[in-house]
Amino acid sequence: MVLPAKPVLMVSGTSSWEEGLTNLRAAFARLDAELARDGIAPAGRPVAVFTETTDDLFRFDAMVPVGQIPNPAPALGPDLRFGTTPSGRAYRFVHRGPYDDIDSTYETITAYLDAKDVAAKDAFIEEYLDDISDPADPNLGINIFVQPR
């Protein structure tokens, strides 16, 4: 599939793995509050792009799609900026189940990419199809996009 570039309001962050979901939720809440303050309606589901991962932490860009980037752009809070989602060719995988079980989905993705000899870009993209306020939700849906190099 091909991911289209979508305009977004975004913020970057760093988190430990233990506090990852809490920090992602806080980033999305901050983005939603800024959009509401500026009278801009979200135009899609929240997205997180994991730009760097280590055994201890990860860096991410949290994004909320908007219909278009306002011109002129409103004054934004610290560290917030308008940008676009990653675009281009991508493989889409779906995680359905509690967020704590997502590691098994990533293991399956890695095995698939290895079996198909696909070299992936370092960034993984998660699109949250459902509210992530309950990490134990057995029906939680997340699209995971992996872009080939």
Protein backbone atom coordinates (compact mmCIF):
# COMPACT_ATOMS: atom_id res chain seq x y z
CA MET A 1 0.00 0.00 0.00
CA VAL A 2 1.00 3.64 -0.31
CA LEU A 3 0.70 5.97 2.66
CA PRO A 4 -0.36 9.49 1.69
CA ALA A 5 1.27 12.44 3.47
CA LYS A 6 -1.34 13.95 5.80
CA PRO A 7 -1.00 17.32 7.52
CA VAL A 8 -0.65 16.97 11.30
CA LEU A 9 -0.02 18.80 14.53
CA MET A 10 2.86 17.02 16.22
CA VAL A 11 5.11 16.87 19.24
CA SER A 12 8.27 14.83 19.79
CA GLY A 13 9.13 12.99 22.97
CA THR A 14 11.27 10.40 24.67
CA SER A 15 10.02 7.72 27.02
CA SER A 16 11.08 4.66 28.92
CA TRP A 17 9.28 1.50 27.83
CA GLU A 18 7.55 1.19 31.21
CA GLU A 19 5.97 4.64 30.85
CA GLY A 20 5.51 4.48 27.09
CA LEU A 21 1.75 4.29 26.80
CA THR A 22 1.27 6.86 29.56
CA ASN A 23 3.59 9.29 27.77
CA LEU A 24 1.96 8.68 24.40
CA ARG A 25 -1.49 9.34 25.89
CA ALA A 26 -0.19 12.55 27.48
CA ALA A 27 1.26 13.69 24.13
CA PHE A 28 -2.04 13.03 22.33
CA ALA A 29 -3.98 14.84 25.07
CA ARG A 30 -1.65 17.83 24.69
CA LEU A 31 -2.16 17.85 20.91
CA ASP A 32 -5.95 17.55 21.27
CA ALA A 33 -6.00 20.43 23.77
CA GLU A 34 -3.95 22.64 21.43
CA LEU A 35 -6.22 21.86 18.50
CA ALA A 36 -9.32 22.63 20.58
CA ARG A 37 -7.76 25.91 21.79
CA ASP A 38 -7.09 26.92 18.18
CA GLY A 39 -10.53 25.78 16.94
CA ILE A 40 -9.05 23.11 14.64
CA ALA A 41 -10.86 19.79 14.33
CA PRO A 42 -8.85 16.56 14.17
CA ALA A 43 -9.14 14.89 10.76
CA GLY A 44 -8.13 11.33 11.54
CA ARG A 45 -6.84 8.92 14.14
CA PRO A 46 -3.75 9.69 16.24
CA VAL A 47 -0.41 8.38 14.97
CA ALA A 48 2.89 7.69 16.68
CA VAL A 49 6.12 7.36 14.74
CA PHE A 50 8.83 5.56 16.68
CA THR A 51 11.99 7.22 15.41
CA GLU A 52 14.56 5.52 17.66
CA THR A 53 14.46 2.58 20.02
CA THR A 54 16.94 1.15 22.52
CA ASP A 55 16.62 -1.43 25.27
CA ASP A 56 15.77 1.33 27.76
CA LEU A 57 13.83 3.99 25.88
CA PHE A 58 12.29 5.20 22.66
CA ARG A 59 11.91 8.49 20.83
CA PHE A 60 8.65 9.27 19.12
CA ASP A 61 6.66 11.83 17.17
CA ALA A 62 3.03 11.93 18.31
CA MET A 63 0.72 13.28 15.59
CA VAL A 64 -2.93 14.20 15.18
CA PRO A 65 -4.08 14.68 11.57
CA VAL A 66 -5.77 17.96 10.59
CA GLY A 67 -7.67 18.83 7.42
CA GLN A 68 -5.03 21.35 6.42
CA ILE A 69 -2.28 23.36 8.03
CA PRO A 70 -3.71 26.77 8.84
CA ASN A 71 -2.22 29.76 7.05
CA PRO A 72 -1.19 31.75 8.91
CA ALA A 73 -0.42 29.12 11.52
CA PRO A 74 -1.54 29.99 15.05
CA ALA A 75 1.01 30.52 17.80
CA LEU A 76 1.62 27.06 19.20
CA GLY A 77 2.69 25.84 22.61
CA PRO A 78 6.33 24.92 23.20
CA ASP A 79 7.66 22.01 21.11
CA LEU A 80 4.46 21.76 19.04
CA ARG A 81 4.65 22.10 15.28
CA PHE A 82 2.76 21.38 12.11
CA GLY A 83 4.14 18.78 9.73
CA THR A 84 3.10 15.71 7.76
CA THR A 85 2.85 12.00 8.39
CA PRO A 86 5.37 9.67 6.77
CA SER A 87 4.39 8.81 3.22
CA GLY A 88 5.30 6.26 0.60
CA ARG A 89 5.20 2.50 0.24
CA ALA A 90 4.42 0.57 3.41
CA TYR A 91 3.35 -2.80 4.71
CA ARG A 92 0.32 -2.67 7.01
CA PHE A 93 -0.08 -5.04 9.93
CA VAL A 94 -2.97 -5.00 12.40
CA HIS A 95 -2.67 -5.52 16.14
CA ARG A 96 -5.96 -6.45 17.80
CA GLY A 97 -5.86 -6.96 21.55
CA PRO A 98 -4.43 -5.44 24.73
CA TYR A 99 -1.59 -2.97 24.23
CA ASP A 100 0.61 -5.07 26.51
CA ASP A 101 0.43 -7.84 23.89
CA ILE A 102 1.79 -5.68 21.06
CA ASP A 103 5.29 -7.13 21.45
CA SER A 104 4.06 -10.44 20.04
CA THR A 105 2.66 -8.57 17.02
CA TYR A 106 6.05 -6.91 16.46
CA GLU A 107 7.76 -10.31 16.73
CA THR A 108 5.42 -11.61 14.02
CA ILE A 109 6.15 -8.54 11.87
CA THR A 110 9.89 -9.05 12.26
CA ALA A 111 9.61 -12.73 11.33
CA TYR A 112 7.52 -11.85 8.25
CA LEU A 113 9.98 -9.18 7.08
CA ASP A 114 12.91 -11.55 7.62
CA ALA A 115 11.16 -14.34 5.71
CA LYS A 116 10.45 -12.00 2.79
CA ASP A 117 13.95 -10.48 2.98
CA VAL A 118 12.51 -6.97 3.38
CA ALA A 119 14.85 -4.30 4.75
CA ALA A 120 12.71 -1.86 6.72
CA LYS A 121 13.29 1.77 7.58
CA ASP A 122 14.14 2.31 11.23
CA ALA A 123 10.87 4.12 12.05
CA PHE A 124 7.70 2.17 12.84
CA ILE A 125 4.32 3.87 12.56
CA GLU A 126 1.34 3.09 14.79
CA GLU A 127 -2.13 4.40 13.96
CA TYR A 128 -4.52 4.03 16.89
CA LEU A 129 -7.92 2.92 15.62
CA ASP A 130 -9.43 3.00 19.10
CA ASP A 131 -9.02 5.05 22.25
CA ILE A 132 -5.87 3.87 24.05
CA SER A 133 -7.09 4.91 27.52
CA ASP A 134 -7.55 1.26 28.51
CA PRO A 135 -4.39 -0.69 27.65
CA ALA A 136 -6.12 -3.94 28.69
CA ASP A 137 -8.93 -3.52 26.13
CA PRO A 138 -9.12 -6.87 24.29
CA ASN A 139 -10.60 -5.13 21.24
CA LEU A 140 -7.97 -2.40 20.90
CA GLY A 141 -7.04 -1.94 17.24
CA ILE A 142 -3.75 -0.53 15.99
CA ASN A 143 -2.48 -0.35 12.43
CA ILE A 144 1.29 -0.80 12.33
CA PHE A 145 2.99 0.44 9.18
CA VAL A 146 6.50 -0.57 8.18
CA GLN A 147 8.16 1.17 5.27
CA PRO A 148 10.73 -0.67 3.18
CA ARG A 149 14.06 1.03 2.48
